[in-house]
N, C-alpha and C. Protein backbone atom coordinates (compact mmCIF):
# COMPACT_ATOMS: atom_id res chain seq x y z
N SER A 1 0.92 -1.23 0.02
CA SER A 1 0.00 0.26 -0.07
C SER A 1 0.66 1.29 -0.26
N HIS A 2 0.56 2.22 -0.85
CA HIS A 2 1.11 3.46 -0.67
C HIS A 2 0.96 4.79 0.70
N ASP A 3 1.89 5.20 1.07
CA ASP A 3 1.35 5.84 2.40
C ASP A 3 0.98 7.09 1.64
N ARG A 4 1.04 7.52 0.66
CA ARG A 4 0.71 8.97 0.15
C ARG A 4 0.77 10.15 1.04
N GLY A 5 2.73 9.88 1.31
CA GLY A 5 2.85 10.95 2.11
C GLY A 5 2.79 11.15 3.09
N ARG A 6 2.40 10.34 3.99
CA ARG A 6 2.32 10.11 5.55
C ARG A 6 3.63 10.01 5.88
N SER A 7 3.74 10.86 7.21
CA SER A 7 4.67 10.85 8.04
C SER A 7 4.45 10.50 9.60
N ALA A 8 5.57 9.69 10.40
CA ALA A 8 5.48 9.39 11.54
C ALA A 8 4.27 10.28 12.17
N VAL A 9 4.99 11.53 12.20
CA VAL A 9 4.36 12.43 12.83
C VAL A 9 2.74 12.80 12.74
N ALA A 10 2.46 12.82 11.40
CA ALA A 10 1.23 12.76 11.18
C ALA A 10 0.40 11.73 11.55
N SER A 11 0.78 10.55 11.64
CA SER A 11 0.29 9.31 12.21
C SER A 11 -0.18 9.59 13.82
N VAL A 12 1.14 9.83 14.47
CA VAL A 12 0.87 10.05 15.53
C VAL A 12 -0.19 11.18 16.16
N PHE A 13 -0.28 12.09 15.06
CA PHE A 13 -0.99 13.70 15.04
C PHE A 13 -2.35 13.15 15.27
N VAL A 14 -2.77 12.25 14.23
CA VAL A 14 -4.04 11.58 14.25
C VAL A 14 -4.57 10.64 15.23
N ILE A 15 -3.51 10.00 15.86
CA ILE A 15 -3.79 9.15 17.17
C ILE A 15 -4.10 10.21 18.24
N ALA A 16 -3.54 11.21 18.45
CA ALA A 16 -3.51 12.26 19.61
C ALA A 16 -5.13 12.93 19.35
N LEU A 17 -5.30 13.22 17.87
CA LEU A 17 -6.69 14.08 17.68
C LEU A 17 -7.75 13.37 18.18
N ARG A 18 -7.63 11.91 17.82
CA ARG A 18 -8.84 11.31 18.24
C ARG A 18 -9.09 10.94 19.62
N ARG A 19 -8.12 10.84 20.24
CA ARG A 19 -8.06 10.78 21.69
C ARG A 19 -8.67 11.80 22.04
N ALA A 20 -8.00 13.24 21.75
CA ALA A 20 -8.48 14.21 22.28
C ALA A 20 -9.81 14.90 22.02
N THR A 21 -10.45 14.35 21.26
CA THR A 21 -12.05 14.56 20.90
C THR A 21 -12.79 14.14 21.71
N PRO A 22 -13.85 15.10 22.07
CA PRO A 22 -14.91 14.76 22.85
C PRO A 22 -15.95 14.02 22.09
N GLU A 23 -16.40 13.05 23.03
CA GLU A 23 -17.36 12.13 22.39
C GLU A 23 -18.76 13.00 21.85
N ASN A 24 -18.81 13.99 22.14
CA ASN A 24 -20.24 14.60 21.50
C ASN A 24 -19.69 15.83 20.74
N TYR A 25 -18.40 15.82 19.95
CA TYR A 25 -17.78 16.47 19.12
C TYR A 25 -19.07 16.81 17.90
N PRO A 26 -19.32 17.86 17.30
CA PRO A 26 -20.11 17.88 16.34
C PRO A 26 -19.73 17.58 14.95
N LEU A 27 -18.15 17.47 14.72
CA LEU A 27 -17.74 16.90 13.49
C LEU A 27 -17.03 15.69 13.69
N ARG A 28 -17.20 15.13 12.62
CA ARG A 28 -16.42 13.89 12.18
C ARG A 28 -15.41 13.89 11.44
N PHE A 29 -14.01 13.17 11.76
CA PHE A 29 -12.92 13.46 11.12
C PHE A 29 -12.95 12.21 10.24
N VAL A 30 -12.22 12.08 9.05
CA VAL A 30 -11.72 11.11 8.22
C VAL A 30 -10.28 11.35 7.60
N ASP A 31 -9.92 10.20 8.11
CA ASP A 31 -8.60 9.73 7.91
C ASP A 31 -8.41 8.30 7.40
N THR A 32 -8.27 8.41 5.98
CA THR A 32 -8.22 7.00 5.35
C THR A 32 -6.62 6.87 4.35
N TRP A 33 -6.33 5.53 4.23
CA TRP A 33 -5.21 5.59 3.53
C TRP A 33 -6.02 5.27 2.02
N ASN A 34 -7.38 5.21 1.87
CA ASN A 34 -7.87 5.36 0.40
C ASN A 34 -7.73 5.94 -0.45
N TYR A 35 -7.94 6.26 -1.59
CA TYR A 35 -8.29 7.37 -2.51
C TYR A 35 -9.07 8.20 -2.10
N ILE A 36 -9.02 9.53 -2.16
CA ILE A 36 -10.49 10.23 -2.06
C ILE A 36 -10.07 11.28 -3.39
N SER A 37 -11.04 11.18 -4.08
CA SER A 37 -11.33 12.31 -5.17
C SER A 37 -11.25 13.95 -4.67
N PHE A 38 -11.05 14.28 -5.61
CA PHE A 38 -11.12 15.91 -5.40
C PHE A 38 -12.66 16.25 -5.43
N CYS A 39 -13.55 15.89 -6.06
CA CYS A 39 -14.90 16.02 -5.72
C CYS A 39 -15.57 15.27 -4.55
N ASP A 40 -14.70 14.39 -3.88
CA ASP A 40 -15.53 13.83 -2.59
C ASP A 40 -15.03 15.02 -1.32
N ILE A 41 -13.59 15.09 -1.57
CA ILE A 41 -12.75 16.23 -0.35
C ILE A 41 -13.68 17.51 -0.55
N SER A 42 -14.37 18.14 -1.54
CA SER A 42 -14.73 19.25 -1.80
C SER A 42 -16.00 19.44 -1.30
N LYS A 43 -16.36 17.94 -0.38
CA LYS A 43 -17.62 18.01 0.28
C LYS A 43 -17.35 18.16 1.71
N TYR A 44 -16.29 18.39 2.00
CA TYR A 44 -16.07 18.20 3.54
C TYR A 44 -15.89 19.70 4.26
N ARG A 45 -16.29 20.17 5.23
CA ARG A 45 -15.81 21.45 5.66
C ARG A 45 -14.75 22.07 5.62
N ALA A 46 -13.64 21.47 5.81
CA ALA A 46 -12.46 21.74 5.95
C ALA A 46 -11.20 20.88 5.92
N MET A 47 -9.97 20.97 5.61
CA MET A 47 -8.80 19.86 5.86
C MET A 47 -8.00 20.10 6.80
N VAL A 48 -7.51 19.49 7.39
CA VAL A 48 -6.52 19.57 8.50
C VAL A 48 -5.17 19.10 7.75
N LEU A 49 -4.28 20.00 7.63
CA LEU A 49 -3.11 19.04 7.04
C LEU A 49 -1.58 19.28 7.78
N LEU A 50 -0.90 18.42 8.00
CA LEU A 50 0.23 18.47 9.03
C LEU A 50 1.32 18.63 7.64
N PRO A 51 1.99 19.86 6.87
CA PRO A 51 2.81 19.77 6.10
C PRO A 51 4.42 19.12 6.42
N HIS A 52 4.81 18.35 5.53
CA HIS A 52 6.13 17.75 5.76
C HIS A 52 6.66 17.23 4.59
N GLY A 53 6.24 17.57 3.19
CA GLY A 53 6.99 17.21 2.25
C GLY A 53 6.15 17.94 1.12
N ASN A 54 7.11 17.38 -0.18
CA ASN A 54 6.40 17.78 -1.76
C ASN A 54 4.85 17.21 -1.90
N VAL A 55 4.47 16.20 -1.16
CA VAL A 55 3.55 15.78 -1.76
C VAL A 55 2.06 16.36 -0.73
N MET A 56 2.42 16.74 0.16
CA MET A 56 1.67 17.74 0.94
C MET A 56 1.63 19.04 0.51
N GLN A 57 2.54 19.59 0.06
CA GLN A 57 2.70 20.95 -0.83
C GLN A 57 1.75 20.83 -2.13
N MET A 58 1.72 19.82 -2.51
CA MET A 58 0.84 19.86 -3.76
C MET A 58 -0.58 19.91 -3.23
N LEU A 59 -0.92 18.88 -2.03
CA LEU A 59 -2.09 18.91 -1.97
C LEU A 59 -2.68 19.84 -1.44
N PHE A 60 -1.76 20.90 -0.36
CA PHE A 60 -2.10 22.18 0.08
C PHE A 60 -2.36 23.01 -1.04
N ARG A 61 -2.01 23.05 -2.00
CA ARG A 61 -2.07 24.29 -3.55
C ARG A 61 -3.27 23.58 -4.07
N GLU A 62 -3.40 22.41 -4.28
CA GLU A 62 -4.45 21.81 -5.00
C GLU A 62 -5.94 22.03 -4.12
N VAL A 63 -6.07 21.94 -2.99
CA VAL A 63 -7.25 22.06 -1.98
C VAL A 63 -7.62 23.90 -1.87
N THR A 64 -6.45 24.56 -1.70
CA THR A 64 -6.23 25.83 -1.46
C THR A 64 -7.36 26.64 -2.60
N SER A 65 -7.01 26.06 -3.76
CA SER A 65 -7.24 26.41 -5.32
C SER A 65 -8.83 25.97 -5.29
N MET A 66 -9.33 24.89 -4.62
CA MET A 66 -10.59 24.61 -4.62
C MET A 66 -11.60 25.00 -3.90
N GLU A 67 -10.74 26.31 -2.81
CA GLU A 67 -11.11 27.35 -1.95
C GLU A 67 -11.88 26.64 -0.73
N MET A 68 -11.31 25.56 -0.30
CA MET A 68 -11.55 24.63 0.71
C MET A 68 -10.43 25.56 1.83
N PRO A 69 -11.54 25.71 3.19
CA PRO A 69 -10.28 26.06 4.33
C PRO A 69 -9.31 25.27 4.52
N VAL A 70 -8.22 25.32 5.03
CA VAL A 70 -7.06 24.40 5.37
C VAL A 70 -6.46 24.83 6.68
N PHE A 71 -6.56 24.03 7.71
CA PHE A 71 -6.07 23.93 8.94
C PHE A 71 -4.47 23.46 8.93
N VAL A 72 -3.69 24.43 9.15
CA VAL A 72 -2.06 23.86 9.41
C VAL A 72 -1.56 24.51 10.93
N PRO A 73 -0.63 23.71 11.28
CA PRO A 73 0.03 24.24 12.43
C PRO A 73 0.53 25.60 12.57
N ASP A 74 0.44 26.30 13.43
CA ASP A 74 0.94 27.53 13.39
C ASP A 74 2.51 27.51 13.37
N MET A 75 3.63 28.70 12.90
CA MET A 75 4.92 28.39 13.09
C MET A 75 5.62 27.45 14.10
N GLU A 76 5.49 28.00 15.01
CA GLU A 76 5.81 27.12 16.09
C GLU A 76 5.57 25.62 16.68
N LEU A 77 4.29 25.38 16.03
CA LEU A 77 3.83 23.94 16.35
C LEU A 77 4.66 23.20 15.12
N MET A 78 4.58 24.06 13.85
CA MET A 78 5.23 22.96 12.64
C MET A 78 7.07 23.07 12.85
N ALA A 79 7.31 23.85 13.61
CA ALA A 79 8.82 23.78 13.78
C ALA A 79 9.13 22.75 14.72
N LYS A 80 8.24 22.41 15.87
CA LYS A 80 8.38 21.42 16.78
C LYS A 80 8.17 20.10 15.61
N GLN A 81 7.24 19.85 15.19
CA GLN A 81 6.94 18.62 14.69
C GLN A 81 7.36 18.29 13.37
N PRO A 82 6.17 18.59 12.14
CA PRO A 82 6.58 18.28 10.66
C PRO A 82 7.94 18.90 10.36
N PHE A 83 8.18 20.18 10.52
CA PHE A 83 9.19 20.45 9.66
C PHE A 83 10.49 19.65 9.91
N LEU A 84 10.72 19.88 11.28
CA LEU A 84 12.06 19.33 11.52
C LEU A 84 12.21 17.91 11.69
N TRP A 85 11.03 17.45 11.66
CA TRP A 85 10.71 15.89 11.42
C TRP A 85 11.27 15.70 9.84
N TRP A 86 10.83 16.33 8.85
CA TRP A 86 11.28 16.08 7.69
C TRP A 86 12.69 16.44 7.33
N MET A 87 13.11 17.48 7.80
CA MET A 87 14.40 18.01 7.60
C MET A 87 15.13 16.61 8.29
N THR A 88 15.13 16.40 9.56
CA THR A 88 15.98 15.32 10.16
C THR A 88 15.91 13.76 8.91
N ARG A 89 15.13 13.64 8.63
CA ARG A 89 14.64 12.67 7.44
C ARG A 89 15.53 12.81 6.48
N ILE A 90 15.54 13.82 5.94
CA ILE A 90 16.49 14.17 4.80
C ILE A 90 17.95 13.95 5.38
N GLU A 91 18.02 14.67 6.20
CA GLU A 91 19.64 14.53 6.73
C GLU A 91 19.92 13.05 7.05
N GLN A 92 19.24 12.46 7.47
CA GLN A 92 19.64 10.99 7.46
C GLN A 92 19.84 10.18 6.38
N MET A 93 19.02 10.69 5.30
CA MET A 93 19.08 9.87 4.24
C MET A 93 20.42 10.45 3.50
N ILE A 94 20.62 11.63 3.62
CA ILE A 94 22.04 11.96 3.13
C ILE A 94 22.98 11.51 3.66
N ARG A 95 23.28 11.38 4.96
CA ARG A 95 24.13 10.90 5.73
C ARG A 95 24.21 9.49 5.04
N ARG A 96 23.17 8.74 5.07
CA ARG A 96 23.34 7.25 4.94
C ARG A 96 24.10 7.27 3.27
N ASN A 97 23.57 7.82 2.30
CA ASN A 97 23.70 7.66 0.97
C ASN A 97 25.18 8.40 0.78
N SER A 98 25.41 9.45 1.19
CA SER A 98 26.97 10.18 0.62
C SER A 98 27.05 11.24 2.08
N PRO A 99 27.99 10.26 2.69
CA PRO A 99 28.43 11.07 4.19
C PRO A 99 28.75 12.47 4.05
N HIS A 100 29.56 12.82 3.01
CA HIS A 100 29.91 13.96 2.64
C HIS A 100 29.10 15.30 1.94
N ALA A 101 28.30 14.60 1.43
CA ALA A 101 27.11 15.60 0.99
C ALA A 101 26.65 16.62 1.71
N LEU A 102 26.17 16.54 3.36
CA LEU A 102 25.40 17.07 3.96
C LEU A 102 26.66 18.41 3.97
N GLU A 103 27.46 18.29 4.07
CA GLU A 103 28.71 19.49 4.27
C GLU A 103 28.43 20.33 2.94
N ARG A 104 28.29 19.78 1.66
CA ARG A 104 28.05 20.46 0.44
C ARG A 104 26.82 21.19 0.51
N PHE A 105 25.64 20.58 0.78
CA PHE A 105 24.47 20.95 0.72
C PHE A 105 24.40 22.07 2.17
N GLY A 106 25.13 22.29 2.93
CA GLY A 106 25.21 23.34 4.20
C GLY A 106 25.95 24.19 3.35
N ASN A 107 26.88 24.20 2.66
CA ASN A 107 27.92 25.17 2.32
C ASN A 107 28.26 25.16 0.95
N PRO A 108 27.14 25.57 0.09
CA PRO A 108 27.14 25.15 -1.50
C PRO A 108 28.74 26.47 -2.05
N PRO A 109 29.15 26.36 -2.97
CA PRO A 109 29.86 27.26 -3.73
C PRO A 109 29.48 28.51 -3.69
N SER A 110 30.08 29.67 -3.49
CA SER A 110 29.44 30.97 -3.83
C SER A 110 30.62 31.60 -4.99
N PRO A 111 29.99 32.50 -5.69
CA PRO A 111 30.60 33.34 -6.60
C PRO A 111 31.54 34.24 -5.98
N ALA A 112 32.71 34.61 -6.27
CA ALA A 112 33.57 35.60 -5.70
C ALA A 112 33.02 36.80 -5.35
N GLY A 113 32.87 37.55 -4.24
CA GLY A 113 32.17 38.62 -3.81
C GLY A 113 30.64 38.50 -3.31
N PHE A 114 30.04 37.28 -3.48
CA PHE A 114 28.80 37.10 -3.35
C PHE A 114 28.50 37.29 -1.22
N LYS A 115 27.60 38.18 -1.33
CA LYS A 115 27.16 38.42 -0.04
C LYS A 115 25.72 37.74 0.20
N ALA A 116 25.52 36.85 1.15
CA ALA A 116 24.61 35.98 1.25
C ALA A 116 23.11 37.00 1.51
N PRO A 117 21.86 36.78 0.57
CA PRO A 117 21.08 37.69 1.19
C PRO A 117 19.87 37.78 2.11
N HIS A 118 20.37 36.60 3.40
CA HIS A 118 19.49 36.04 4.35
C HIS A 118 20.55 35.96 5.53
N PRO A 119 19.92 35.82 6.75
CA PRO A 119 21.27 35.65 7.84
C PRO A 119 21.28 34.26 8.44
N TYR A 120 20.25 33.20 7.50
CA TYR A 120 20.63 32.03 7.82
C TYR A 120 20.78 31.21 6.33
N LYS A 121 21.42 29.97 6.37
CA LYS A 121 21.30 29.39 5.28
C LYS A 121 20.15 28.64 4.98
N PRO A 122 19.56 28.66 3.82
CA PRO A 122 18.19 27.59 3.45
C PRO A 122 18.34 26.37 4.14
N PHE A 123 19.48 25.84 3.93
CA PHE A 123 19.36 24.17 4.64
C PHE A 123 19.62 24.41 5.96
N VAL A 124 18.63 24.20 6.82
CA VAL A 124 18.77 24.33 8.31
C VAL A 124 19.36 23.27 9.01
N MET A 125 19.52 22.15 8.43
CA MET A 125 20.12 20.98 9.00
C MET A 125 21.75 21.10 8.94
N ALA A 126 22.37 22.17 8.15
CA ALA A 126 23.94 22.42 8.07
C ALA A 126 24.19 22.93 9.72
N TYR A 127 23.12 23.44 10.60
CA TYR A 127 23.36 24.05 11.85
C TYR A 127 23.37 22.69 12.83
N SER A 128 24.24 22.46 13.54
CA SER A 128 24.05 21.46 14.91
C SER A 128 22.71 22.07 15.35
N PRO A 129 22.26 20.66 15.92
CA PRO A 129 20.86 20.65 16.62
C PRO A 129 21.13 21.82 17.99
N GLY A 130 20.22 22.35 18.02
CA GLY A 130 19.82 23.47 19.33
C GLY A 130 19.43 24.80 18.69
N PRO A 131 19.90 25.58 19.54
CA PRO A 131 18.87 27.20 19.26
C PRO A 131 19.80 27.70 17.92
N GLU A 132 20.69 27.64 17.32
CA GLU A 132 20.90 28.11 15.87
C GLU A 132 19.91 27.61 14.85
N ARG A 133 19.82 26.16 14.80
CA ARG A 133 19.04 25.59 14.30
C ARG A 133 17.75 25.84 14.33
N LEU A 134 17.12 26.01 15.48
CA LEU A 134 15.53 26.60 16.03
C LEU A 134 15.57 28.00 15.17
N SER A 135 16.42 28.77 15.23
CA SER A 135 16.26 30.30 14.87
C SER A 135 16.38 30.14 13.32
N ALA A 136 17.26 29.18 12.70
CA ALA A 136 17.12 29.15 11.17
C ALA A 136 15.93 28.70 10.47
N THR A 137 15.14 27.45 11.59
CA THR A 137 14.13 26.97 11.13
C THR A 137 13.01 28.16 11.27
N MET A 138 12.93 28.76 12.39
CA MET A 138 12.03 29.64 12.55
C MET A 138 11.82 30.94 11.61
N TYR A 139 13.06 31.35 11.25
CA TYR A 139 13.51 32.27 10.07
C TYR A 139 12.68 31.82 8.71
N TRP A 140 13.00 30.64 8.13
CA TRP A 140 12.78 30.17 6.94
C TRP A 140 11.14 29.78 6.83
N LEU A 141 10.69 29.23 7.71
CA LEU A 141 9.34 28.65 7.90
C LEU A 141 8.36 30.13 7.42
N ARG A 142 8.69 31.27 7.95
CA ARG A 142 7.75 32.30 7.80
C ARG A 142 7.49 32.71 5.96
N PHE A 143 8.23 31.98 5.23
CA PHE A 143 8.40 32.16 3.70
C PHE A 143 7.63 31.15 3.04
N LEU A 144 7.39 29.94 3.86
CA LEU A 144 6.07 28.83 3.52
C LEU A 144 4.92 29.77 2.97
N ASP A 145 4.42 28.75 1.84
CA ASP A 145 3.24 29.44 1.52
C ASP A 145 2.00 29.06 2.55
N TYR A 146 2.51 28.40 3.52
CA TYR A 146 1.10 27.91 4.49
C TYR A 146 0.89 28.93 5.28
N PHE A 147 1.79 30.21 5.41
CA PHE A 147 1.55 31.17 6.01
C PHE A 147 1.16 32.47 5.33
N HIS A 148 0.93 32.35 4.47
CA HIS A 148 0.90 33.41 3.17
C HIS A 148 -1.00 33.18 2.20
N TRP A 149 -0.67 32.02 2.09
CA TRP A 149 -2.04 32.10 1.08
C TRP A 149 -3.52 32.12 1.98
N PRO A 150 -4.43 32.67 0.76
CA PRO A 150 -5.76 32.95 1.73
C PRO A 150 -6.42 31.48 1.77
N GLY A 151 -7.47 31.46 2.96
CA GLY A 151 -8.24 30.58 3.32
C GLY A 151 -7.50 29.19 3.98
N VAL A 152 -6.43 29.94 4.67
CA VAL A 152 -5.29 29.04 5.56
C VAL A 152 -5.51 29.33 7.10
N LEU A 153 -5.85 28.84 7.89
CA LEU A 153 -6.13 28.96 8.90
C LEU A 153 -5.08 28.30 10.15
N HIS A 154 -4.78 28.46 11.25
CA HIS A 154 -3.34 28.17 11.84
C HIS A 154 -4.23 27.51 13.20
N PHE A 155 -3.55 26.64 14.03
CA PHE A 155 -3.55 26.10 15.24
C PHE A 155 -2.53 25.93 15.80
N SER A 156 -2.45 26.08 17.16
CA SER A 156 -1.38 25.93 17.85
C SER A 156 -1.27 24.73 18.69
N SER A 157 -2.34 24.12 18.74
CA SER A 157 -2.38 22.90 19.82
C SER A 157 -3.91 21.95 18.94
N ILE A 158 -3.65 20.68 19.82
CA ILE A 158 -5.29 20.14 19.33
C ILE A 158 -6.25 20.68 19.95
N PRO A 159 -6.40 21.19 21.10
CA PRO A 159 -7.38 21.76 21.50
C PRO A 159 -8.04 23.11 20.51
N HIS A 160 -6.98 23.68 20.17
CA HIS A 160 -6.95 25.11 19.67
C HIS A 160 -8.00 24.45 18.20
N LEU A 161 -7.20 23.25 17.38
CA LEU A 161 -7.83 23.30 16.36
C LEU A 161 -9.35 22.50 16.41
N LEU A 162 -9.53 21.86 17.43
CA LEU A 162 -10.99 21.35 17.83
C LEU A 162 -11.97 22.66 18.12
N ALA A 163 -11.51 23.49 18.63
CA ALA A 163 -12.35 24.48 18.79
C ALA A 163 -12.21 25.27 17.29
N GLY A 164 -11.36 25.71 16.55
CA GLY A 164 -11.02 26.51 15.37
C GLY A 164 -12.33 25.87 14.38
N LEU A 165 -12.06 24.57 14.17
CA LEU A 165 -12.99 23.60 13.25
C LEU A 165 -14.46 24.18 13.34
N VAL A 166 -15.00 24.03 14.77
CA VAL A 166 -16.41 24.38 14.87
C VAL A 166 -16.55 25.87 14.86
N GLU A 167 -15.79 26.52 15.52
CA GLU A 167 -15.99 28.08 15.51
C GLU A 167 -15.63 28.93 14.41
N ALA A 168 -14.78 28.55 13.62
CA ALA A 168 -14.27 29.34 12.56
C ALA A 168 -15.21 29.40 11.15
N ASP A 169 -15.66 30.95 11.13
CA ASP A 169 -16.35 31.46 9.93
C ASP A 169 -15.73 31.01 8.83
N LEU A 170 -15.98 29.74 7.98
CA LEU A 170 -15.23 29.46 6.81
C LEU A 170 -16.09 29.69 5.57
N VAL A 171 -17.06 30.33 5.70
CA VAL A 171 -17.81 30.99 4.65
C VAL A 171 -17.62 32.47 4.43
N LYS A 172 -16.29 32.76 3.89
CA LYS A 172 -16.09 33.96 3.56
C LYS A 172 -15.96 34.45 1.87
């Protein structure tokens, strides 16, 4: 079976969401490994998306183009979970396949006299785990489409998401 771009973080999030959802919650969540057509997706109130890679970026763009509201983690929650999970996964893959490639990604060659336009390198895994990597992550996250496109709502926790799904005015 194809995982359709799922991550361990997303699977754990679904389990936590189900456990945190009150029995009398007025909405029903759909989480499936089966294919859902865009026609069927359009029948739902909103989509909850934990971005973590290219497949999710494509789905995000397609769903927002359908003018469906999309709930994604705010920057702080995204930095803690899907973003760093994805970057760590890439780092591990690079180290396994080509141990010296990580240094090349983190320090690409620059033309003579080149001055970097940003305070942080875009490949955040070039920084050692800790405050500098987190600062670089927070800096680059703000440029992601998830924080600029219309129809995107952000949540900081599962309780915040549960409240937002019910209370948000999604017909604008």
